[in-house]
Amino acid sequence: MATKEELKEVLETIEDSGHLNEIVLFNDDFNTFDHVIQTLVETCNHTYEQAEQCSILVHYKGKCTVKTGPYEDLKPRCTKLLQAGLSAEIV
């Protein structure tokens, strides 16, 4: 029962926070799949499988949303992605 209440509180907090932003990762011709995957695992707290799927989507579709949340949380993550040589922006 407590888990349902905690989940409800989290959902209400997300709904109350208003508009959520996204980090969009773009394809490039420089970074390897391994580098992109490792960076997403470290920066966005992805599982290896999640990061691998994102890297494949970026490769074939040209871009992929890799993280959603409030701007304050996304800004340092996007900065780390950029510092790692990846092409990303917050939308």
PDB file of N, CA and C in Angstrom:
ATOM      1  N   MET A   1       0.816  -1.183   0.000  1.00  0.00           N
ATOM      2  CA  MET A   1       0.000   0.000   0.000  1.00  0.00           C
ATOM      3  C   MET A   1       0.869   1.260   0.000  1.00  0.00           C
ATOM      4  N   ALA A   2       1.942   1.237   0.754  1.00  0.00           N
ATOM      5  CA  ALA A   2       2.813   2.406   0.825  1.00  0.00           C
ATOM      6  C   ALA A   2       3.449   2.712  -0.529  1.00  0.00           C
ATOM      7  N   THR A   3       3.741   1.679  -1.290  1.00  0.00           N
ATOM      8  CA  THR A   3       4.351   1.872  -2.606  1.00  0.00           C
ATOM      9  C   THR A   3       3.414   2.618  -3.535  1.00  0.00           C
ATOM     10  N   LYS A   4       2.127   2.284  -3.508  1.00  0.00           N
ATOM     11  CA  LYS A   4       1.151   2.982  -4.344  1.00  0.00           C
ATOM     12  C   LYS A   4       1.073   4.455  -3.973  1.00  0.00           C
ATOM     13  N   GLU A   5       1.092   4.733  -2.674  1.00  0.00           N
ATOM     14  CA  GLU A   5       1.027   6.118  -2.215  1.00  0.00           C
ATOM     15  C   GLU A   5       2.273   6.889  -2.628  1.00  0.00           C
ATOM     16  N   GLU A   6       3.443   6.253  -2.524  1.00  0.00           N
ATOM     17  CA  GLU A   6       4.683   6.907  -2.925  1.00  0.00           C
ATOM     18  C   GLU A   6       4.682   7.183  -4.417  1.00  0.00           C
ATOM     19  N   LEU A   7       4.229   6.223  -5.212  1.00  0.00           N
ATOM     20  CA  LEU A   7       4.155   6.404  -6.653  1.00  0.00           C
ATOM     21  C   LEU A   7       3.198   7.528  -7.008  1.00  0.00           C
ATOM     22  N   LYS A   8       2.078   7.591  -6.317  1.00  0.00           N
ATOM     23  CA  LYS A   8       1.099   8.652  -6.561  1.00  0.00           C
ATOM     24  C   LYS A   8       1.710  10.020  -6.259  1.00  0.00           C
ATOM     25  N   GLU A   9       2.473  10.119  -5.173  1.00  0.00           N
ATOM     26  CA  GLU A   9       3.124  11.379  -4.818  1.00  0.00           C
ATOM     27  C   GLU A   9       4.140  11.795  -5.882  1.00  0.00           C
ATOM     28  N   VAL A  10       4.900  10.838  -6.386  1.00  0.00           N
ATOM     29  CA  VAL A  10       5.890  11.134  -7.422  1.00  0.00           C
ATOM     30  C   VAL A  10       5.197  11.626  -8.678  1.00  0.00           C
ATOM     31  N   LEU A  11       4.126  10.953  -9.082  1.00  0.00           N
ATOM     32  CA  LEU A  11       3.386  11.364 -10.273  1.00  0.00           C
ATOM     33  C   LEU A  11       2.786  12.753 -10.108  1.00  0.00           C
ATOM     34  N   GLU A  12       2.252  13.046  -8.939  1.00  0.00           N
ATOM     35  CA  GLU A  12       1.695  14.368  -8.685  1.00  0.00           C
ATOM     36  C   GLU A  12       2.782  15.433  -8.738  1.00  0.00           C
ATOM     37  N   THR A  13       3.953  15.124  -8.211  1.00  0.00           N
ATOM     38  CA  THR A  13       5.080  16.061  -8.241  1.00  0.00           C
ATOM     39  C   THR A  13       5.480  16.350  -9.683  1.00  0.00           C
ATOM     40  N   ILE A  14       5.540  15.312 -10.506  1.00  0.00           N
ATOM     41  CA  ILE A  14       5.895  15.491 -11.912  1.00  0.00           C
ATOM     42  C   ILE A  14       4.850  16.345 -12.614  1.00  0.00           C
ATOM     43  N   GLU A  15       3.578  16.072 -12.358  1.00  0.00           N
ATOM     44  CA  GLU A  15       2.512  16.840 -12.991  1.00  0.00           C
ATOM     45  C   GLU A  15       2.543  18.292 -12.541  1.00  0.00           C
ATOM     46  N   ASP A  16       2.852  18.522 -11.276  1.00  0.00           N
ATOM     47  CA  ASP A  16       2.884  19.879 -10.739  1.00  0.00           C
ATOM     48  C   ASP A  16       4.086  20.677 -11.226  1.00  0.00           C
ATOM     49  N   SER A  17       5.136  19.980 -11.652  1.00  0.00           N
ATOM     50  CA  SER A  17       6.357  20.685 -12.044  1.00  0.00           C
ATOM     51  C   SER A  17       6.215  21.409 -13.372  1.00  0.00           C
ATOM     52  N   GLY A  18       5.109  21.198 -14.056  1.00  0.00           N
ATOM     53  CA  GLY A  18       4.873  21.912 -15.302  1.00  0.00           C
ATOM     54  C   GLY A  18       5.579  21.275 -16.472  1.00  0.00           C
ATOM     55  N   HIS A  19       6.041  22.113 -17.386  1.00  0.00           N
ATOM     56  CA  HIS A  19       6.655  21.647 -18.625  1.00  0.00           C
ATOM     57  C   HIS A  19       7.996  20.973 -18.360  1.00  0.00           C
ATOM     58  N   LEU A  20       8.183  19.802 -18.940  1.00  0.00           N
ATOM     59  CA  LEU A  20       9.454  19.109 -18.841  1.00  0.00           C
ATOM     60  C   LEU A  20      10.207  19.283 -20.156  1.00  0.00           C
ATOM     61  N   ASN A  21      11.495  19.431 -20.049  1.00  0.00           N
ATOM     62  CA  ASN A  21      12.345  19.571 -21.225  1.00  0.00           C
ATOM     63  C   ASN A  21      12.934  18.221 -21.592  1.00  0.00           C
ATOM     64  N   GLU A  22      13.592  18.177 -22.745  1.00  0.00           N
ATOM     65  CA  GLU A  22      14.223  16.949 -23.222  1.00  0.00           C
ATOM     66  C   GLU A  22      15.644  17.242 -23.689  1.00  0.00           C
ATOM     67  N   ILE A  23      16.535  16.288 -23.468  1.00  0.00           N
ATOM     68  CA  ILE A  23      17.847  16.339 -24.110  1.00  0.00           C
ATOM     69  C   ILE A  23      17.737  15.495 -25.368  1.00  0.00           C
ATOM     70  N   VAL A  24      18.040  16.121 -26.503  1.00  0.00           N
ATOM     71  CA  VAL A  24      18.033  15.424 -27.784  1.00  0.00           C
ATOM     72  C   VAL A  24      19.481  15.226 -28.212  1.00  0.00           C
ATOM     73  N   LEU A  25      19.821  13.979 -28.505  1.00  0.00           N
ATOM     74  CA  LEU A  25      21.159  13.633 -28.976  1.00  0.00           C
ATOM     75  C   LEU A  25      21.115  13.488 -30.496  1.00  0.00           C
ATOM     76  N   PHE A  26      22.091  14.065 -31.178  1.00  0.00           N
ATOM     77  CA  PHE A  26      22.125  14.054 -32.639  1.00  0.00           C
ATOM     78  C   PHE A  26      23.252  13.169 -33.157  1.00  0.00           C
ATOM     79  N   ASN A  27      23.051  12.634 -34.332  1.00  0.00           N
ATOM     80  CA  ASN A  27      24.047  11.792 -34.978  1.00  0.00           C
ATOM     81  C   ASN A  27      25.249  12.627 -35.431  1.00  0.00           C
ATOM     82  N   ASP A  28      26.406  12.001 -35.440  1.00  0.00           N
ATOM     83  CA  ASP A  28      27.599  12.629 -36.001  1.00  0.00           C
ATOM     84  C   ASP A  28      28.454  11.542 -36.651  1.00  0.00           C
ATOM     85  N   ASP A  29      29.494  11.949 -37.319  1.00  0.00           N
ATOM     86  CA  ASP A  29      30.367  10.996 -38.009  1.00  0.00           C
ATOM     87  C   ASP A  29      31.666  10.741 -37.245  1.00  0.00           C
ATOM     88  N   PHE A  30      31.715  11.126 -35.981  1.00  0.00           N
ATOM     89  CA  PHE A  30      32.975  11.081 -35.252  1.00  0.00           C
ATOM     90  C   PHE A  30      32.994  10.065 -34.111  1.00  0.00           C
ATOM     91  N   ASN A  31      31.900   9.974 -33.364  1.00  0.00           N
ATOM     92  CA  ASN A  31      31.892   9.156 -32.149  1.00  0.00           C
ATOM     93  C   ASN A  31      31.497   7.709 -32.437  1.00  0.00           C
ATOM     94  N   THR A  32      32.149   6.804 -31.721  1.00  0.00           N
ATOM     95  CA  THR A  32      31.848   5.383 -31.876  1.00  0.00           C
ATOM     96  C   THR A  32      30.612   5.024 -31.050  1.00  0.00           C
ATOM     97  N   PHE A  33      29.995   3.905 -31.392  1.00  0.00           N
ATOM     98  CA  PHE A  33      28.857   3.427 -30.605  1.00  0.00           C
ATOM     99  C   PHE A  33      29.270   3.226 -29.152  1.00  0.00           C
ATOM    100  N   ASP A  34      30.438   2.634 -28.941  1.00  0.00           N
ATOM    101  CA  ASP A  34      30.906   2.372 -27.573  1.00  0.00           C
ATOM    102  C   ASP A  34      31.028   3.661 -26.767  1.00  0.00           C
ATOM    103  N   HIS A  35      31.566   4.715 -27.378  1.00  0.00           N
ATOM    104  CA  HIS A  35      31.715   5.986 -26.676  1.00  0.00           C
ATOM    105  C   HIS A  35      30.352   6.588 -26.328  1.00  0.00           C
ATOM    106  N   VAL A  36      29.440   6.564 -27.286  1.00  0.00           N
ATOM    107  CA  VAL A  36      28.100   7.112 -27.044  1.00  0.00           C
ATOM    108  C   VAL A  36      27.398   6.327 -25.942  1.00  0.00           C
ATOM    109  N   ILE A  37      27.460   5.017 -26.011  1.00  0.00           N
ATOM    110  CA  ILE A  37      26.806   4.170 -25.009  1.00  0.00           C
ATOM    111  C   ILE A  37      27.376   4.438 -23.624  1.00  0.00           C
ATOM    112  N   GLN A  38      28.694   4.435 -23.503  1.00  0.00           N
ATOM    113  CA  GLN A  38      29.338   4.663 -22.199  1.00  0.00           C
ATOM    114  C   GLN A  38      28.981   6.044 -21.642  1.00  0.00           C
ATOM    115  N   THR A  39      28.953   7.041 -22.506  1.00  0.00           N
ATOM    116  CA  THR A  39      28.634   8.401 -22.062  1.00  0.00           C
ATOM    117  C   THR A  39      27.193   8.493 -21.583  1.00  0.00           C
ATOM    118  N   LEU A  40      26.267   7.849 -22.275  1.00  0.00           N
ATOM    119  CA  LEU A  40      24.859   7.870 -21.844  1.00  0.00           C
ATOM    120  C   LEU A  40      24.674   7.135 -20.528  1.00  0.00           C
ATOM    121  N   VAL A  41      25.390   6.041 -20.337  1.00  0.00           N
ATOM    122  CA  VAL A  41      25.308   5.299 -19.075  1.00  0.00           C
ATOM    123  C   VAL A  41      25.786   6.183 -17.923  1.00  0.00           C
ATOM    124  N   GLU A  42      26.909   6.856 -18.118  1.00  0.00           N
ATOM    125  CA  GLU A  42      27.495   7.679 -17.059  1.00  0.00           C
ATOM    126  C   GLU A  42      26.728   8.982 -16.825  1.00  0.00           C
ATOM    127  N   THR A  43      26.260   9.607 -17.898  1.00  0.00           N
ATOM    128  CA  THR A  43      25.679  10.940 -17.797  1.00  0.00           C
ATOM    129  C   THR A  43      24.179  10.935 -17.546  1.00  0.00           C
ATOM    130  N   CYS A  44      23.474  10.033 -18.182  1.00  0.00           N
ATOM    131  CA  CYS A  44      22.009  10.029 -18.106  1.00  0.00           C
ATOM    132  C   CYS A  44      21.464   8.883 -17.253  1.00  0.00           C
ATOM    133  N   ASN A  45      22.362   8.131 -16.622  1.00  0.00           N
ATOM    134  CA  ASN A  45      21.977   6.997 -15.782  1.00  0.00           C
ATOM    135  C   ASN A  45      21.177   5.946 -16.557  1.00  0.00           C
ATOM    136  N   HIS A  46      21.498   5.764 -17.829  1.00  0.00           N
ATOM    137  CA  HIS A  46      20.854   4.732 -18.631  1.00  0.00           C
ATOM    138  C   HIS A  46      21.421   3.374 -18.255  1.00  0.00           C
ATOM    139  N   THR A  47      20.628   2.326 -18.480  1.00  0.00           N
ATOM    140  CA  THR A  47      21.187   0.983 -18.446  1.00  0.00           C
ATOM    141  C   THR A  47      21.972   0.810 -19.746  1.00  0.00           C
ATOM    142  N   TYR A  48      22.790  -0.222 -19.803  1.00  0.00           N
ATOM    143  CA  TYR A  48      23.557  -0.451 -21.023  1.00  0.00           C
ATOM    144  C   TYR A  48      22.613  -0.649 -22.209  1.00  0.00           C
ATOM    145  N   GLU A  49      21.544  -1.408 -21.991  1.00  0.00           N
ATOM    146  CA  GLU A  49      20.588  -1.691 -23.061  1.00  0.00           C
ATOM    147  C   GLU A  49      19.895  -0.422 -23.542  1.00  0.00           C
ATOM    148  N   GLN A  50      19.501   0.425 -22.600  1.00  0.00           N
ATOM    149  CA  GLN A  50      18.864   1.705 -22.946  1.00  0.00           C
ATOM    150  C   GLN A  50      19.794   2.554 -23.803  1.00  0.00           C
ATOM    151  N   ALA A  51      21.030   2.666 -23.350  1.00  0.00           N
ATOM    152  CA  ALA A  51      22.017   3.481 -24.067  1.00  0.00           C
ATOM    153  C   ALA A  51      22.289   2.908 -25.452  1.00  0.00           C
ATOM    154  N   GLU A  52      22.349   1.595 -25.549  1.00  0.00           N
ATOM    155  CA  GLU A  52      22.581   0.953 -26.837  1.00  0.00           C
ATOM    156  C   GLU A  52      21.423   1.242 -27.798  1.00  0.00           C
ATOM    157  N   GLN A  53      20.192   1.138 -27.310  1.00  0.00           N
ATOM    158  CA  GLN A  53      19.025   1.429 -28.146  1.00  0.00           C
ATOM    159  C   GLN A  53      19.017   2.884 -28.599  1.00  0.00           C
ATOM    160  N   CYS A  54      19.353   3.806 -27.694  1.00  0.00           N
ATOM    161  CA  CYS A  54      19.414   5.222 -28.068  1.00  0.00           C
ATOM    162  C   CYS A  54      20.471   5.445 -29.139  1.00  0.00           C
ATOM    163  N   SER A  55      21.622   4.818 -29.000  1.00  0.00           N
ATOM    164  CA  SER A  55      22.691   5.014 -29.985  1.00  0.00           C
ATOM    165  C   SER A  55      22.272   4.486 -31.358  1.00  0.00           C
ATOM    166  N   ILE A  56      21.534   3.405 -31.385  1.00  0.00           N
ATOM    167  CA  ILE A  56      21.048   2.863 -32.663  1.00  0.00           C
ATOM    168  C   ILE A  56      20.016   3.800 -33.281  1.00  0.00           C
ATOM    169  N   LEU A  57      19.097   4.314 -32.450  1.00  0.00           N
ATOM    170  CA  LEU A  57      18.105   5.269 -32.956  1.00  0.00           C
ATOM    171  C   LEU A  57      18.776   6.521 -33.513  1.00  0.00           C
ATOM    172  N   VAL A  58      19.760   7.033 -32.795  1.00  0.00           N
ATOM    173  CA  VAL A  58      20.482   8.227 -33.256  1.00  0.00           C
ATOM    174  C   VAL A  58      21.158   7.936 -34.592  1.00  0.00           C
ATOM    175  N   HIS A  59      21.763   6.773 -34.706  1.00  0.00           N
ATOM    176  CA  HIS A  59      22.474   6.418 -35.932  1.00  0.00           C
ATOM    177  C   HIS A  59      21.531   6.349 -37.134  1.00  0.00           C
ATOM    178  N   TYR A  60      20.387   5.710 -36.959  1.00  0.00           N
ATOM    179  CA  TYR A  60      19.487   5.499 -38.097  1.00  0.00           C
ATOM    180  C   TYR A  60      18.457   6.608 -38.302  1.00  0.00           C
ATOM    181  N   LYS A  61      18.037   7.277 -37.226  1.00  0.00           N
ATOM    182  CA  LYS A  61      17.014   8.323 -37.342  1.00  0.00           C
ATOM    183  C   LYS A  61      17.599   9.735 -37.327  1.00  0.00           C
ATOM    184  N   GLY A  62      18.856   9.861 -36.897  1.00  0.00           N
ATOM    185  CA  GLY A  62      19.503  11.165 -36.874  1.00  0.00           C
ATOM    186  C   GLY A  62      19.436  11.869 -35.543  1.00  0.00           C
ATOM    187  N   LYS A  63      18.486  11.462 -34.686  1.00  0.00           N
ATOM    188  CA  LYS A  63      18.378  12.064 -33.353  1.00  0.00           C
ATOM    189  C   LYS A  63      17.512  11.181 -32.470  1.00  0.00           C
ATOM    190  N   CYS A  64      17.617  11.423 -31.163  1.00  0.00           N
ATOM    191  CA  CYS A  64      16.836  10.656 -30.195  1.00  0.00           C
ATOM    192  C   CYS A  64      16.782  11.434 -28.885  1.00  0.00           C
ATOM    193  N   THR A  65      15.617  11.451 -28.250  1.00  0.00           N
ATOM    194  CA  THR A  65      15.503  12.025 -26.910  1.00  0.00           C
ATOM    195  C   THR A  65      16.117  11.033 -25.932  1.00  0.00           C
ATOM    196  N   VAL A  66      17.115  11.499 -25.166  1.00  0.00           N
ATOM    197  CA  VAL A  66      17.822  10.594 -24.257  1.00  0.00           C
ATOM    198  C   VAL A  66      17.497  10.836 -22.785  1.00  0.00           C
ATOM    199  N   LYS A  67      16.898  11.981 -22.481  1.00  0.00           N
ATOM    200  CA  LYS A  67      16.541  12.269 -21.088  1.00  0.00           C
ATOM    201  C   LYS A  67      15.454  13.333 -21.067  1.00  0.00           C
ATOM    202  N   THR A  68      14.489  13.165 -20.179  1.00  0.00           N
ATOM    203  CA  THR A  68      13.405  14.124 -20.010  1.00  0.00           C
ATOM    204  C   THR A  68      13.364  14.543 -18.546  1.00  0.00           C
ATOM    205  N   GLY A  69      13.104  15.830 -18.310  1.00  0.00           N
ATOM    206  CA  GLY A  69      13.017  16.294 -16.931  1.00  0.00           C
ATOM    207  C   GLY A  69      13.029  17.801 -16.861  1.00  0.00           C
ATOM    208  N   PRO A  70      13.112  18.321 -15.648  1.00  0.00           N
ATOM    209  CA  PRO A  70      13.188  19.775 -15.493  1.00  0.00           C
ATOM    210  C   PRO A  70      14.523  20.302 -16.015  1.00  0.00           C
ATOM    211  N   TYR A  71      14.501  21.520 -16.507  1.00  0.00           N
ATOM    212  CA  TYR A  71      15.683  22.139 -17.107  1.00  0.00           C
ATOM    213  C   TYR A  71      16.888  22.111 -16.168  1.00  0.00           C
ATOM    214  N   GLU A  72      16.652  22.357 -14.890  1.00  0.00           N
ATOM    215  CA  GLU A  72      17.741  22.422 -13.907  1.00  0.00           C
ATOM    216  C   GLU A  72      18.490  21.092 -13.816  1.00  0.00           C
ATOM    217  N   ASP A  73      17.779  19.975 -14.016  1.00  0.00           N
ATOM    218  CA  ASP A  73      18.410  18.654 -13.989  1.00  0.00           C
ATOM    219  C   ASP A  73      19.121  18.351 -15.309  1.00  0.00           C
ATOM    220  N   LEU A  74      18.551  18.824 -16.405  1.00  0.00           N
ATOM    221  CA  LEU A  74      19.088  18.496 -17.719  1.00  0.00           C
ATOM    222  C   LEU A  74      20.316  19.308 -18.111  1.00  0.00           C
ATOM    223  N   LYS A  75      20.403  20.537 -17.638  1.00  0.00           N
ATOM    224  CA  LYS A  75      21.499  21.435 -18.027  1.00  0.00           C
ATOM    225  C   LYS A  75      22.879  20.829 -17.763  1.00  0.00           C
ATOM    226  N   PRO A  76      23.176  20.353 -16.531  1.00  0.00           N
ATOM    227  CA  PRO A  76      24.508  19.778 -16.307  1.00  0.00           C
ATOM    228  C   PRO A  76      24.735  18.482 -17.082  1.00  0.00           C
ATOM    229  N   ARG A  77      23.684  17.722 -17.306  1.00  0.00           N
ATOM    230  CA  ARG A  77      23.808  16.480 -18.077  1.00  0.00           C
ATOM    231  C   ARG A  77      24.150  16.795 -19.537  1.00  0.00           C
ATOM    232  N   CYS A  78      23.464  17.771 -20.105  1.00  0.00           N
ATOM    233  CA  CYS A  78      23.724  18.163 -21.488  1.00  0.00           C
ATOM    234  C   CYS A  78      25.142  18.709 -21.620  1.00  0.00           C
ATOM    235  N   THR A  79      25.579  19.474 -20.655  1.00  0.00           N
ATOM    236  CA  THR A  79      26.941  20.005 -20.659  1.00  0.00           C
ATOM    237  C   THR A  79      27.963  18.874 -20.678  1.00  0.00           C
ATOM    238  N   LYS A  80      27.716  17.822 -19.883  1.00  0.00           N
ATOM    239  CA  LYS A  80      28.631  16.675 -19.863  1.00  0.00           C
ATOM    240  C   LYS A  80      28.639  15.951 -21.207  1.00  0.00           C
ATOM    241  N   LEU A  81      27.465  15.830 -21.825  1.00  0.00           N
ATOM    242  CA  LEU A  81      27.407  15.199 -23.150  1.00  0.00           C
ATOM    243  C   LEU A  81      28.230  16.002 -24.160  1.00  0.00           C
ATOM    244  N   LEU A  82      28.089  17.316 -24.110  1.00  0.00           N
ATOM    245  CA  LEU A  82      28.836  18.189 -25.020  1.00  0.00           C
ATOM    246  C   LEU A  82      30.340  18.104 -24.756  1.00  0.00           C
ATOM    247  N   GLN A  83      30.723  18.073 -23.489  1.00  0.00           N
ATOM    248  CA  GLN A  83      32.137  17.963 -23.130  1.00  0.00           C
ATOM    249  C   GLN A  83      32.732  16.637 -23.592  1.00  0.00           C
ATOM    250  N   ALA A  84      31.878  15.616 -23.702  1.00  0.00           N
ATOM    251  CA  ALA A  84      32.339  14.299 -24.163  1.00  0.00           C
ATOM    252  C   ALA A  84      32.419  14.236 -25.687  1.00  0.00           C
ATOM    253  N   GLY A  85      32.072  15.351 -26.349  1.00  0.00           N
ATOM    254  CA  GLY A  85      32.180  15.409 -27.796  1.00  0.00           C
ATOM    255  C   GLY A  85      30.922  15.012 -28.543  1.00  0.00           C
ATOM    256  N   LEU A  86      29.830  14.806 -27.803  1.00  0.00           N
ATOM    257  CA  LEU A  86      28.574  14.448 -28.444  1.00  0.00           C
ATOM    258  C   LEU A  86      27.819  15.710 -28.839  1.00  0.00           C
ATOM    259  N   SER A  87      26.880  15.547 -29.737  1.00  0.00           N
ATOM    260  CA  SER A  87      26.085  16.666 -30.221  1.00  0.00           C
ATOM    261  C   SER A  87      24.690  16.559 -29.597  1.00  0.00           C
ATOM    262  N   ALA A  88      24.363  17.497 -28.706  1.00  0.00           N
ATOM    263  CA  ALA A  88      23.087  17.433 -27.987  1.00  0.00           C
ATOM    264  C   ALA A  88      22.579  18.834 -27.690  1.00  0.00           C
ATOM    265  N   GLU A  89      21.276  18.913 -27.460  1.00  0.00           N
ATOM    266  CA  GLU A  89      20.680  20.188 -27.046  1.00  0.00           C
ATOM    267  C   GLU A  89      19.449  19.911 -26.204  1.00  0.00           C
ATOM    268  N   ILE A  90      19.077  20.905 -25.419  1.00  0.00           N
ATOM    269  CA  ILE A  90      17.865  20.821 -24.600  1.00  0.00           C
ATOM    270  C   ILE A  90      16.745  21.509 -25.356  1.00  0.00           C
ATOM    271  N   VAL A  91      15.612  20.832 -25.483  1.00  0.00           N
ATOM    272  CA  VAL A  91      14.446  21.408 -26.146  1.00  0.00           C
ATOM    273  C   VAL A  91      13.260  21.383 -25.203  1.00  0.00           C
TER     274      VAL A  91
END
